[in-house]
Amino acid sequence: MQQRVTPEHITHLSEGEIFVFGSNLAGMHGGGAALMAHRHFGAVWGQGVGLQGQSYAIPTMQGGIETIKPYVDEFLAFAARHTEYHFLVTRIGCGIAGFSERDIAPLFAAAVSMPNVWLPQGFLAELL
């Protein structure tokens, strides 16, 4: 299986590529990857979940891992239904939210076999 690794720094997207970032439920995209998504990839101020422009928000600031998992599951189901897109998952939850790759990576275990979902190298290192 060819590993699909999200680039460490994403400055532009091709058609059909979606920037997947960690957000807060209020959609206040003020820092980190959320700010990048807002400034460059169509993230909507005030929308903290789901597809918006060429980005997809997964809330990570509302509690522990158990509160993030349902949103990751929702994202994976969305990605499975939308194979026309390539999803570039950033290190969601591993910046401002304060989680480690070891904490977050297991939530994305099913994505390893999804050809349209790319994961950060650190997540893959935890999963493979």
N, C-alpha and C. Protein backbone atom coordinates (compact mmCIF):
# COMPACT_ATOMS: atom_id res chain seq x y z
N MET A 1 0.84 -1.18 0.00
CA MET A 1 0.00 0.00 0.00
C MET A 1 0.88 1.25 0.00
N GLN A 2 0.61 2.17 -0.88
CA GLN A 2 1.34 3.43 -0.92
C GLN A 2 0.82 4.32 0.20
N GLN A 3 1.77 4.87 0.98
CA GLN A 3 1.35 5.78 2.04
C GLN A 3 0.97 7.12 1.44
N ARG A 4 -0.13 7.65 1.91
CA ARG A 4 -0.59 8.95 1.49
C ARG A 4 -0.35 9.90 2.65
N VAL A 5 0.72 10.72 2.52
CA VAL A 5 1.15 11.58 3.61
C VAL A 5 0.81 13.03 3.30
N THR A 6 0.11 13.67 4.24
CA THR A 6 -0.20 15.08 4.11
C THR A 6 1.09 15.88 4.20
N PRO A 7 1.32 16.80 3.26
CA PRO A 7 2.51 17.67 3.37
C PRO A 7 2.49 18.43 4.69
N GLU A 8 3.67 18.71 5.23
CA GLU A 8 3.75 19.41 6.51
C GLU A 8 3.22 20.84 6.41
N HIS A 9 3.53 21.51 5.30
CA HIS A 9 3.07 22.88 5.09
C HIS A 9 2.26 22.92 3.79
N ILE A 10 1.00 23.26 3.91
CA ILE A 10 0.13 23.35 2.74
C ILE A 10 -0.14 24.83 2.47
N THR A 11 0.28 25.28 1.31
CA THR A 11 0.08 26.69 0.97
C THR A 11 -0.90 26.88 -0.17
N HIS A 12 -1.19 25.82 -0.90
CA HIS A 12 -2.19 25.88 -1.97
C HIS A 12 -2.80 24.49 -2.14
N LEU A 13 -3.96 24.47 -2.74
CA LEU A 13 -4.67 23.22 -2.99
C LEU A 13 -4.99 23.12 -4.47
N SER A 14 -4.95 21.92 -4.99
CA SER A 14 -5.41 21.67 -6.35
C SER A 14 -6.92 21.46 -6.32
N GLU A 15 -7.53 21.48 -7.48
CA GLU A 15 -8.95 21.23 -7.56
C GLU A 15 -9.25 19.84 -6.98
N GLY A 16 -10.28 19.77 -6.15
CA GLY A 16 -10.67 18.50 -5.55
C GLY A 16 -9.95 18.15 -4.26
N GLU A 17 -8.97 18.98 -3.85
CA GLU A 17 -8.28 18.73 -2.58
C GLU A 17 -8.98 19.53 -1.48
N ILE A 18 -9.10 18.90 -0.30
CA ILE A 18 -9.77 19.51 0.85
C ILE A 18 -8.80 19.51 2.03
N PHE A 19 -8.62 20.68 2.63
CA PHE A 19 -7.77 20.90 3.79
C PHE A 19 -8.57 20.57 5.04
N VAL A 20 -8.17 19.53 5.79
CA VAL A 20 -8.91 19.09 6.98
C VAL A 20 -8.18 19.62 8.21
N PHE A 21 -8.88 20.41 9.01
CA PHE A 21 -8.24 21.11 10.12
C PHE A 21 -9.03 20.99 11.41
N GLY A 22 -8.35 21.20 12.52
CA GLY A 22 -9.00 21.22 13.82
C GLY A 22 -9.58 22.59 14.07
N SER A 23 -10.79 22.61 14.61
CA SER A 23 -11.49 23.87 14.86
C SER A 23 -12.06 23.88 16.27
N ASN A 24 -12.83 24.91 16.55
CA ASN A 24 -13.63 24.92 17.77
C ASN A 24 -15.09 24.97 17.33
N LEU A 25 -15.98 24.58 18.20
CA LEU A 25 -17.39 24.48 17.83
C LEU A 25 -17.99 25.81 17.38
N ALA A 26 -17.44 26.91 17.89
CA ALA A 26 -17.96 28.22 17.53
C ALA A 26 -17.46 28.69 16.17
N GLY A 27 -16.50 27.99 15.59
CA GLY A 27 -15.97 28.39 14.29
C GLY A 27 -15.16 29.67 14.34
N MET A 28 -14.51 29.92 15.45
CA MET A 28 -13.63 31.08 15.59
C MET A 28 -12.25 30.67 15.12
N HIS A 29 -12.00 30.79 13.84
CA HIS A 29 -10.79 30.29 13.20
C HIS A 29 -9.63 31.29 13.36
N GLY A 30 -9.19 31.47 14.61
CA GLY A 30 -8.24 32.53 14.91
C GLY A 30 -6.78 32.16 14.96
N GLY A 31 -6.44 30.87 14.88
CA GLY A 31 -5.03 30.50 14.98
C GLY A 31 -4.75 29.16 14.34
N GLY A 32 -3.47 28.87 14.16
CA GLY A 32 -3.03 27.59 13.63
C GLY A 32 -3.61 27.27 12.27
N ALA A 33 -3.88 25.99 12.06
CA ALA A 33 -4.42 25.53 10.78
C ALA A 33 -5.81 26.11 10.51
N ALA A 34 -6.56 26.40 11.56
CA ALA A 34 -7.89 26.99 11.37
C ALA A 34 -7.79 28.38 10.73
N LEU A 35 -6.82 29.16 11.16
CA LEU A 35 -6.61 30.48 10.57
C LEU A 35 -6.20 30.34 9.10
N MET A 36 -5.33 29.38 8.83
CA MET A 36 -4.92 29.12 7.44
C MET A 36 -6.14 28.72 6.60
N ALA A 37 -6.98 27.86 7.14
CA ALA A 37 -8.19 27.43 6.43
C ALA A 37 -9.10 28.62 6.15
N HIS A 38 -9.22 29.50 7.13
CA HIS A 38 -10.09 30.67 6.97
C HIS A 38 -9.52 31.64 5.93
N ARG A 39 -8.24 31.90 6.01
CA ARG A 39 -7.61 32.88 5.11
C ARG A 39 -7.46 32.39 3.67
N HIS A 40 -7.22 31.08 3.51
CA HIS A 40 -6.83 30.59 2.18
C HIS A 40 -7.74 29.53 1.56
N PHE A 41 -8.51 28.80 2.38
CA PHE A 41 -9.21 27.64 1.85
C PHE A 41 -10.72 27.65 2.07
N GLY A 42 -11.29 28.81 2.38
CA GLY A 42 -12.74 28.95 2.41
C GLY A 42 -13.44 28.60 3.70
N ALA A 43 -12.70 28.39 4.79
CA ALA A 43 -13.38 28.13 6.07
C ALA A 43 -14.21 29.35 6.44
N VAL A 44 -15.41 29.10 6.90
CA VAL A 44 -16.39 30.14 7.19
C VAL A 44 -16.34 30.49 8.68
N TRP A 45 -16.14 31.78 8.97
CA TRP A 45 -16.15 32.25 10.36
C TRP A 45 -17.52 31.94 10.95
N GLY A 46 -17.53 31.29 12.10
CA GLY A 46 -18.78 30.92 12.76
C GLY A 46 -19.27 29.52 12.44
N GLN A 47 -18.58 28.80 11.56
CA GLN A 47 -18.94 27.41 11.24
C GLN A 47 -17.81 26.51 11.72
N GLY A 48 -18.06 25.75 12.77
CA GLY A 48 -17.01 24.95 13.38
C GLY A 48 -16.95 23.50 12.97
N VAL A 49 -17.88 23.06 12.10
CA VAL A 49 -17.95 21.65 11.74
C VAL A 49 -18.23 21.51 10.24
N GLY A 50 -17.53 20.57 9.61
CA GLY A 50 -17.89 20.16 8.27
C GLY A 50 -17.23 20.90 7.12
N LEU A 51 -17.72 20.58 5.93
CA LEU A 51 -17.18 21.11 4.68
C LEU A 51 -17.53 22.58 4.53
N GLN A 52 -16.54 23.36 4.15
CA GLN A 52 -16.71 24.79 3.89
C GLN A 52 -15.61 25.23 2.94
N GLY A 53 -15.99 25.61 1.75
CA GLY A 53 -15.00 25.94 0.73
C GLY A 53 -14.17 24.70 0.41
N GLN A 54 -12.85 24.87 0.39
CA GLN A 54 -11.93 23.74 0.18
C GLN A 54 -11.35 23.29 1.51
N SER A 55 -12.17 23.33 2.55
CA SER A 55 -11.71 22.90 3.87
C SER A 55 -12.81 22.12 4.57
N TYR A 56 -12.39 21.37 5.58
CA TYR A 56 -13.33 20.58 6.38
C TYR A 56 -12.90 20.73 7.84
N ALA A 57 -13.80 21.21 8.68
CA ALA A 57 -13.52 21.47 10.09
C ALA A 57 -13.92 20.29 10.98
N ILE A 58 -12.99 19.90 11.85
CA ILE A 58 -13.26 18.88 12.87
C ILE A 58 -13.01 19.53 14.23
N PRO A 59 -14.04 19.71 15.06
CA PRO A 59 -13.85 20.35 16.36
C PRO A 59 -12.95 19.53 17.29
N THR A 60 -12.01 20.24 17.93
CA THR A 60 -11.06 19.58 18.83
C THR A 60 -10.90 20.30 20.16
N MET A 61 -11.62 21.38 20.37
CA MET A 61 -11.38 22.23 21.54
C MET A 61 -12.45 22.12 22.64
N GLN A 62 -13.34 21.15 22.55
CA GLN A 62 -14.50 21.12 23.44
C GLN A 62 -14.38 20.13 24.59
N GLY A 63 -13.27 19.44 24.72
CA GLY A 63 -13.13 18.47 25.80
C GLY A 63 -12.06 17.46 25.48
N GLY A 64 -12.27 16.22 25.91
CA GLY A 64 -11.29 15.16 25.69
C GLY A 64 -11.47 14.43 24.37
N ILE A 65 -10.68 13.39 24.20
CA ILE A 65 -10.70 12.59 22.97
C ILE A 65 -12.11 12.07 22.68
N GLU A 66 -12.83 11.70 23.73
CA GLU A 66 -14.17 11.14 23.54
C GLU A 66 -15.12 12.15 22.90
N THR A 67 -14.83 13.45 23.02
CA THR A 67 -15.69 14.46 22.39
C THR A 67 -15.26 14.75 20.95
N ILE A 68 -14.05 14.36 20.59
CA ILE A 68 -13.54 14.56 19.23
C ILE A 68 -13.95 13.39 18.33
N LYS A 69 -13.97 12.19 18.89
CA LYS A 69 -14.22 10.98 18.10
C LYS A 69 -15.48 11.04 17.24
N PRO A 70 -16.63 11.49 17.75
CA PRO A 70 -17.82 11.51 16.89
C PRO A 70 -17.64 12.40 15.65
N TYR A 71 -16.89 13.48 15.79
CA TYR A 71 -16.66 14.37 14.65
C TYR A 71 -15.69 13.75 13.65
N VAL A 72 -14.70 13.00 14.14
CA VAL A 72 -13.80 12.29 13.22
C VAL A 72 -14.58 11.20 12.50
N ASP A 73 -15.42 10.48 13.23
CA ASP A 73 -16.25 9.44 12.59
C ASP A 73 -17.15 10.05 11.51
N GLU A 74 -17.72 11.21 11.80
CA GLU A 74 -18.57 11.90 10.83
C GLU A 74 -17.74 12.29 9.59
N PHE A 75 -16.52 12.79 9.83
CA PHE A 75 -15.64 13.13 8.72
C PHE A 75 -15.32 11.90 7.87
N LEU A 76 -14.96 10.78 8.50
CA LEU A 76 -14.60 9.57 7.76
C LEU A 76 -15.78 9.06 6.93
N ALA A 77 -16.98 9.15 7.47
CA ALA A 77 -18.17 8.75 6.71
C ALA A 77 -18.36 9.69 5.52
N PHE A 78 -18.14 10.98 5.73
CA PHE A 78 -18.26 11.96 4.65
C PHE A 78 -17.23 11.66 3.56
N ALA A 79 -15.99 11.41 3.97
CA ALA A 79 -14.92 11.11 3.00
C ALA A 79 -15.23 9.84 2.22
N ALA A 80 -15.81 8.85 2.87
CA ALA A 80 -16.17 7.60 2.19
C ALA A 80 -17.25 7.83 1.13
N ARG A 81 -18.15 8.77 1.39
CA ARG A 81 -19.22 9.09 0.42
C ARG A 81 -18.74 10.01 -0.69
N HIS A 82 -17.63 10.70 -0.48
CA HIS A 82 -17.17 11.71 -1.43
C HIS A 82 -15.77 11.38 -1.95
N THR A 83 -15.71 10.31 -2.69
CA THR A 83 -14.42 9.85 -3.23
C THR A 83 -13.91 10.75 -4.35
N GLU A 84 -14.72 11.71 -4.77
CA GLU A 84 -14.25 12.67 -5.78
C GLU A 84 -13.26 13.68 -5.19
N TYR A 85 -13.16 13.73 -3.86
CA TYR A 85 -12.24 14.64 -3.18
C TYR A 85 -11.04 13.88 -2.63
N HIS A 86 -9.94 14.60 -2.46
CA HIS A 86 -8.77 14.10 -1.73
C HIS A 86 -8.65 14.95 -0.47
N PHE A 87 -8.73 14.32 0.67
CA PHE A 87 -8.72 15.01 1.95
C PHE A 87 -7.33 14.99 2.55
N LEU A 88 -6.77 16.17 2.80
CA LEU A 88 -5.45 16.31 3.39
C LEU A 88 -5.62 16.66 4.87
N VAL A 89 -5.53 15.64 5.71
CA VAL A 89 -5.75 15.82 7.15
C VAL A 89 -4.50 16.43 7.77
N THR A 90 -4.67 17.55 8.45
CA THR A 90 -3.56 18.16 9.19
C THR A 90 -3.45 17.49 10.56
N ARG A 91 -2.52 17.94 11.37
CA ARG A 91 -2.31 17.37 12.72
C ARG A 91 -3.41 17.90 13.66
N ILE A 92 -4.66 17.61 13.32
CA ILE A 92 -5.77 18.17 14.11
C ILE A 92 -5.61 17.81 15.58
N GLY A 93 -5.88 18.78 16.43
CA GLY A 93 -5.83 18.57 17.87
C GLY A 93 -4.44 18.60 18.47
N CYS A 94 -3.40 18.66 17.65
CA CYS A 94 -2.02 18.55 18.14
C CYS A 94 -1.31 19.91 18.24
N GLY A 95 -2.06 20.97 18.11
CA GLY A 95 -1.49 22.31 18.25
C GLY A 95 -2.12 22.99 19.45
N ILE A 96 -2.94 23.96 19.16
CA ILE A 96 -3.60 24.76 20.20
C ILE A 96 -4.43 23.89 21.15
N ALA A 97 -5.06 22.83 20.65
CA ALA A 97 -5.91 21.97 21.49
C ALA A 97 -5.09 21.17 22.51
N GLY A 98 -3.80 20.95 22.24
CA GLY A 98 -2.91 20.34 23.22
C GLY A 98 -2.83 18.83 23.28
N PHE A 99 -3.38 18.12 22.32
CA PHE A 99 -3.29 16.67 22.31
C PHE A 99 -2.01 16.24 21.59
N SER A 100 -1.63 14.99 21.78
CA SER A 100 -0.46 14.45 21.08
C SER A 100 -0.93 13.63 19.88
N GLU A 101 0.00 13.36 18.98
CA GLU A 101 -0.32 12.50 17.84
C GLU A 101 -0.74 11.12 18.33
N ARG A 102 -0.16 10.65 19.40
CA ARG A 102 -0.53 9.36 19.99
C ARG A 102 -1.99 9.37 20.44
N ASP A 103 -2.47 10.53 20.92
CA ASP A 103 -3.87 10.66 21.35
C ASP A 103 -4.84 10.63 20.16
N ILE A 104 -4.49 11.37 19.11
CA ILE A 104 -5.42 11.62 18.01
C ILE A 104 -5.36 10.56 16.91
N ALA A 105 -4.18 10.07 16.60
CA ALA A 105 -4.02 9.15 15.47
C ALA A 105 -4.99 7.97 15.49
N PRO A 106 -5.21 7.31 16.64
CA PRO A 106 -6.13 6.15 16.62
C PRO A 106 -7.53 6.48 16.12
N LEU A 107 -7.94 7.72 16.26
CA LEU A 107 -9.27 8.11 15.77
C LEU A 107 -9.35 7.98 14.25
N PHE A 108 -8.19 8.03 13.59
CA PHE A 108 -8.12 7.98 12.12
C PHE A 108 -7.68 6.61 11.59
N ALA A 109 -7.72 5.58 12.41
CA ALA A 109 -7.25 4.25 11.98
C ALA A 109 -7.94 3.78 10.70
N ALA A 110 -9.23 4.02 10.57
CA ALA A 110 -9.96 3.57 9.37
C ALA A 110 -9.49 4.30 8.12
N ALA A 111 -8.91 5.47 8.26
CA ALA A 111 -8.48 6.25 7.11
C ALA A 111 -7.27 5.65 6.40
N VAL A 112 -6.53 4.80 7.09
CA VAL A 112 -5.34 4.19 6.48
C VAL A 112 -5.70 3.43 5.21
N SER A 113 -6.87 2.85 5.18
CA SER A 113 -7.29 2.09 4.00
C SER A 113 -8.18 2.89 3.03
N MET A 114 -8.33 4.17 3.30
CA MET A 114 -9.17 5.01 2.43
C MET A 114 -8.26 5.74 1.44
N PRO A 115 -8.36 5.43 0.16
CA PRO A 115 -7.44 6.02 -0.82
C PRO A 115 -7.56 7.52 -1.01
N ASN A 116 -8.65 8.12 -0.58
CA ASN A 116 -8.82 9.56 -0.76
C ASN A 116 -8.54 10.38 0.49
N VAL A 117 -8.00 9.73 1.53
CA VAL A 117 -7.65 10.44 2.77
C VAL A 117 -6.16 10.31 3.02
N TRP A 118 -5.49 11.46 3.12
CA TRP A 118 -4.06 11.50 3.42
C TRP A 118 -3.92 11.92 4.88
N LEU A 119 -2.94 11.35 5.56
CA LEU A 119 -2.72 11.63 6.98
C LEU A 119 -1.33 12.20 7.21
N PRO A 120 -1.16 12.96 8.31
CA PRO A 120 0.17 13.46 8.65
C PRO A 120 1.12 12.29 8.94
N GLN A 121 2.40 12.48 8.68
CA GLN A 121 3.39 11.43 8.91
C GLN A 121 3.35 10.92 10.35
N GLY A 122 3.18 11.83 11.30
CA GLY A 122 3.12 11.43 12.71
C GLY A 122 1.94 10.52 13.03
N PHE A 123 0.81 10.77 12.41
CA PHE A 123 -0.35 9.90 12.62
C PHE A 123 -0.05 8.52 12.04
N LEU A 124 0.52 8.49 10.82
CA LEU A 124 0.84 7.20 10.18
C LEU A 124 1.85 6.42 11.02
N ALA A 125 2.83 7.12 11.58
CA ALA A 125 3.82 6.44 12.42
C ALA A 125 3.17 5.77 13.62
N GLU A 126 2.14 6.38 14.16
CA GLU A 126 1.42 5.80 15.29
C GLU A 126 0.53 4.62 14.86
N LEU A 127 0.05 4.65 13.63
CA LEU A 127 -0.93 3.66 13.17
C LEU A 127 -0.33 2.44 12.47
N LEU A 128 0.84 2.61 11.87
CA LEU A 128 1.41 1.49 11.10
C LEU A 128 2.52 0.79 11.84
